[in-house]
Amino acid sequence: MAEKDNPSAAEEEKTLNIERIKRRLNMLDQRLDNIDSMVTAVAERVMEQPLNFSLTCPHCGKNIEITILGSQKPTT
C-alpha cells in the first residue's frame, strides 16, 4: 500500500540496489585484475629460469624429478 502511495520510494530503492551492484562488480573486477597481475608475474619468473619438482613415488619409493624450462617470456 505504501508503494502505491509513494512510487518514487520504490524507484529510489531500485536505484540504490543497482548502484550497490555496480560497486560490487567494480570491486570484483579490481580483484580479478590483481589476481591476473600476480599470475602474470609468477609466469614471467618461471619462464626466466628452470623450475624443478622432486617427488617420491608413494608406491615404489623412487625419486621422480620433473624440470620445466622456459625459452622466452610471455608478452602482452
N, C-alpha and C. Protein backbone atom coordinates (compact mmCIF):
# COMPACT_ATOMS: atom_id res chain seq x y z
N MET A 1 0.82 -1.18 0.00
CA MET A 1 0.00 0.00 0.00
C MET A 1 0.87 1.26 0.00
N ALA A 2 2.03 1.19 0.73
CA ALA A 2 2.92 2.34 0.77
C ALA A 2 3.55 2.58 -0.59
N GLU A 3 3.79 1.51 -1.34
CA GLU A 3 4.37 1.66 -2.67
C GLU A 3 3.40 2.35 -3.61
N LYS A 4 2.11 2.11 -3.46
CA LYS A 4 1.13 2.77 -4.31
C LYS A 4 1.06 4.25 -4.00
N ASP A 5 1.22 4.59 -2.73
CA ASP A 5 1.16 5.99 -2.32
C ASP A 5 2.42 6.75 -2.71
N ASN A 6 3.58 6.05 -2.69
CA ASN A 6 4.86 6.72 -2.93
C ASN A 6 5.69 5.89 -3.92
N PRO A 7 5.40 6.00 -5.21
CA PRO A 7 6.15 5.20 -6.20
C PRO A 7 7.60 5.62 -6.32
N SER A 8 7.92 6.85 -5.96
CA SER A 8 9.31 7.29 -6.07
C SER A 8 10.21 6.58 -5.06
N ALA A 9 9.66 6.15 -3.93
CA ALA A 9 10.45 5.41 -2.93
C ALA A 9 10.89 4.07 -3.49
N ALA A 10 10.01 3.40 -4.21
CA ALA A 10 10.37 2.11 -4.82
C ALA A 10 11.43 2.31 -5.90
N GLU A 11 11.29 3.35 -6.68
CA GLU A 11 12.28 3.63 -7.72
C GLU A 11 13.62 3.99 -7.10
N GLU A 12 13.59 4.73 -6.01
CA GLU A 12 14.82 5.11 -5.32
C GLU A 12 15.52 3.88 -4.76
N GLU A 13 14.74 2.94 -4.22
CA GLU A 13 15.32 1.71 -3.69
C GLU A 13 15.95 0.88 -4.81
N LYS A 14 15.28 0.82 -5.96
CA LYS A 14 15.84 0.09 -7.11
C LYS A 14 17.14 0.75 -7.56
N THR A 15 17.17 2.06 -7.58
CA THR A 15 18.38 2.79 -7.97
C THR A 15 19.52 2.50 -7.00
N LEU A 16 19.22 2.48 -5.70
CA LEU A 16 20.24 2.17 -4.70
C LEU A 16 20.76 0.75 -4.88
N ASN A 17 19.86 -0.20 -5.17
CA ASN A 17 20.28 -1.58 -5.38
C ASN A 17 21.18 -1.69 -6.61
N ILE A 18 20.83 -0.98 -7.65
CA ILE A 18 21.65 -1.01 -8.87
C ILE A 18 23.03 -0.42 -8.60
N GLU A 19 23.08 0.67 -7.86
CA GLU A 19 24.36 1.29 -7.53
C GLU A 19 25.21 0.34 -6.67
N ARG A 20 24.58 -0.35 -5.74
CA ARG A 20 25.29 -1.31 -4.89
C ARG A 20 25.86 -2.44 -5.73
N ILE A 21 25.09 -2.93 -6.69
CA ILE A 21 25.55 -3.99 -7.57
C ILE A 21 26.71 -3.50 -8.43
N LYS A 22 26.63 -2.28 -8.92
CA LYS A 22 27.73 -1.71 -9.72
C LYS A 22 29.01 -1.62 -8.90
N ARG A 23 28.90 -1.18 -7.64
CA ARG A 23 30.09 -1.10 -6.79
C ARG A 23 30.70 -2.47 -6.56
N ARG A 24 29.86 -3.46 -6.31
CA ARG A 24 30.36 -4.82 -6.08
C ARG A 24 31.03 -5.38 -7.34
N LEU A 25 30.46 -5.11 -8.50
CA LEU A 25 31.07 -5.57 -9.74
C LEU A 25 32.42 -4.89 -9.98
N ASN A 26 32.50 -3.61 -9.65
CA ASN A 26 33.79 -2.91 -9.78
C ASN A 26 34.83 -3.49 -8.83
N MET A 27 34.43 -3.81 -7.61
CA MET A 27 35.35 -4.42 -6.65
C MET A 27 35.82 -5.77 -7.15
N LEU A 28 34.90 -6.58 -7.69
CA LEU A 28 35.26 -7.89 -8.24
C LEU A 28 36.21 -7.73 -9.41
N ASP A 29 35.96 -6.76 -10.27
CA ASP A 29 36.84 -6.50 -11.41
C ASP A 29 38.24 -6.13 -10.96
N GLN A 30 38.35 -5.31 -9.93
CA GLN A 30 39.66 -4.93 -9.40
C GLN A 30 40.38 -6.13 -8.82
N ARG A 31 39.66 -6.97 -8.10
CA ARG A 31 40.28 -8.17 -7.52
C ARG A 31 40.78 -9.11 -8.60
N LEU A 32 39.98 -9.29 -9.66
CA LEU A 32 40.40 -10.15 -10.77
C LEU A 32 41.62 -9.56 -11.47
N ASP A 33 41.68 -8.25 -11.62
CA ASP A 33 42.86 -7.61 -12.20
C ASP A 33 44.10 -7.85 -11.35
N ASN A 34 43.94 -7.77 -10.03
CA ASN A 34 45.07 -8.02 -9.13
C ASN A 34 45.54 -9.47 -9.23
N ILE A 35 44.61 -10.40 -9.29
CA ILE A 35 44.97 -11.82 -9.43
C ILE A 35 45.69 -12.05 -10.75
N ASP A 36 45.19 -11.43 -11.82
CA ASP A 36 45.82 -11.56 -13.13
C ASP A 36 47.25 -11.03 -13.10
N SER A 37 47.47 -9.91 -12.42
CA SER A 37 48.81 -9.35 -12.32
C SER A 37 49.75 -10.29 -11.57
N MET A 38 49.26 -10.90 -10.50
CA MET A 38 50.10 -11.82 -9.73
C MET A 38 50.44 -13.06 -10.54
N VAL A 39 49.47 -13.61 -11.24
CA VAL A 39 49.71 -14.82 -12.04
C VAL A 39 50.69 -14.50 -13.17
N THR A 40 50.56 -13.34 -13.79
CA THR A 40 51.48 -12.95 -14.85
C THR A 40 52.90 -12.81 -14.31
N ALA A 41 53.04 -12.21 -13.14
CA ALA A 41 54.37 -12.04 -12.54
C ALA A 41 55.00 -13.40 -12.24
N VAL A 42 54.23 -14.33 -11.73
CA VAL A 42 54.75 -15.67 -11.43
C VAL A 42 55.13 -16.38 -12.73
N ALA A 43 54.31 -16.28 -13.75
CA ALA A 43 54.62 -16.92 -15.03
C ALA A 43 55.90 -16.36 -15.64
N GLU A 44 56.08 -15.05 -15.54
CA GLU A 44 57.31 -14.44 -16.06
C GLU A 44 58.53 -14.94 -15.31
N ARG A 45 58.42 -15.08 -14.02
CA ARG A 45 59.56 -15.59 -13.23
C ARG A 45 59.87 -17.03 -13.60
N VAL A 46 58.82 -17.83 -13.80
CA VAL A 46 59.03 -19.24 -14.16
C VAL A 46 59.69 -19.33 -15.53
N MET A 47 59.30 -18.45 -16.45
CA MET A 47 59.87 -18.51 -17.79
C MET A 47 61.32 -18.06 -17.82
N GLU A 48 61.77 -17.31 -16.82
CA GLU A 48 63.15 -16.83 -16.79
C GLU A 48 64.14 -17.89 -16.35
N GLN A 49 63.71 -18.85 -15.57
CA GLN A 49 64.64 -19.83 -15.03
C GLN A 49 63.95 -21.19 -14.95
N PRO A 50 64.75 -22.26 -14.87
CA PRO A 50 64.14 -23.59 -14.79
C PRO A 50 63.41 -23.81 -13.47
N LEU A 51 62.37 -24.61 -13.55
CA LEU A 51 61.57 -24.95 -12.37
C LEU A 51 61.67 -26.45 -12.17
N ASN A 52 62.10 -26.88 -10.98
CA ASN A 52 62.31 -28.30 -10.69
C ASN A 52 61.33 -28.78 -9.63
N PHE A 53 60.72 -29.93 -9.91
CA PHE A 53 59.87 -30.62 -8.94
C PHE A 53 60.53 -31.95 -8.61
N SER A 54 60.70 -32.22 -7.35
CA SER A 54 61.23 -33.52 -6.92
C SER A 54 60.16 -34.21 -6.09
N LEU A 55 59.76 -35.40 -6.54
CA LEU A 55 58.71 -36.17 -5.86
C LEU A 55 59.21 -37.56 -5.55
N THR A 56 58.63 -38.17 -4.55
CA THR A 56 58.91 -39.57 -4.24
C THR A 56 57.65 -40.37 -4.50
N CYS A 57 57.77 -41.42 -5.30
CA CYS A 57 56.62 -42.25 -5.63
C CYS A 57 56.14 -42.96 -4.35
N PRO A 58 54.86 -42.85 -4.02
CA PRO A 58 54.37 -43.49 -2.79
C PRO A 58 54.31 -45.02 -2.91
N HIS A 59 54.33 -45.55 -4.14
CA HIS A 59 54.22 -47.00 -4.32
C HIS A 59 55.58 -47.69 -4.33
N CYS A 60 56.52 -47.16 -5.14
CA CYS A 60 57.81 -47.85 -5.26
C CYS A 60 58.94 -47.14 -4.52
N GLY A 61 58.76 -45.90 -4.09
CA GLY A 61 59.77 -45.19 -3.34
C GLY A 61 60.84 -44.53 -4.18
N LYS A 62 60.73 -44.60 -5.50
CA LYS A 62 61.73 -43.97 -6.37
C LYS A 62 61.52 -42.45 -6.39
N ASN A 63 62.65 -41.75 -6.56
CA ASN A 63 62.59 -40.30 -6.68
C ASN A 63 62.27 -39.94 -8.13
N ILE A 64 61.37 -39.00 -8.31
CA ILE A 64 60.98 -38.53 -9.64
C ILE A 64 61.30 -37.05 -9.70
N GLU A 65 62.04 -36.65 -10.72
CA GLU A 65 62.39 -35.24 -10.88
C GLU A 65 61.80 -34.73 -12.19
N ILE A 66 61.05 -33.63 -12.11
CA ILE A 66 60.43 -33.02 -13.28
C ILE A 66 61.01 -31.61 -13.40
N THR A 67 61.53 -31.29 -14.58
CA THR A 67 62.11 -29.97 -14.82
C THR A 67 61.32 -29.29 -15.93
N ILE A 68 60.93 -28.05 -15.69
CA ILE A 68 60.22 -27.25 -16.68
C ILE A 68 61.14 -26.11 -17.08
N LEU A 69 61.42 -26.01 -18.38
CA LEU A 69 62.28 -24.96 -18.89
C LEU A 69 61.47 -24.01 -19.76
N GLY A 70 61.68 -22.72 -19.57
CA GLY A 70 61.03 -21.72 -20.41
C GLY A 70 62.05 -21.10 -21.33
N SER A 71 61.69 -20.88 -22.58
CA SER A 71 62.66 -20.33 -23.53
C SER A 71 62.47 -18.84 -23.77
N GLN A 72 61.30 -18.30 -23.47
CA GLN A 72 61.07 -16.87 -23.64
C GLN A 72 59.96 -16.39 -22.74
N LYS A 73 59.97 -15.10 -22.46
CA LYS A 73 58.96 -14.52 -21.59
C LYS A 73 57.67 -14.31 -22.38
N PRO A 74 56.54 -14.49 -21.72
CA PRO A 74 55.28 -14.17 -22.40
C PRO A 74 55.17 -12.66 -22.58
N THR A 75 54.62 -12.24 -23.70
CA THR A 75 54.47 -10.81 -23.94
C THR A 75 52.99 -10.45 -23.90
N THR A 76 52.73 -9.21 -23.56
CA THR A 76 51.35 -8.76 -23.50
C THR A 76 51.06 -7.79 -24.61
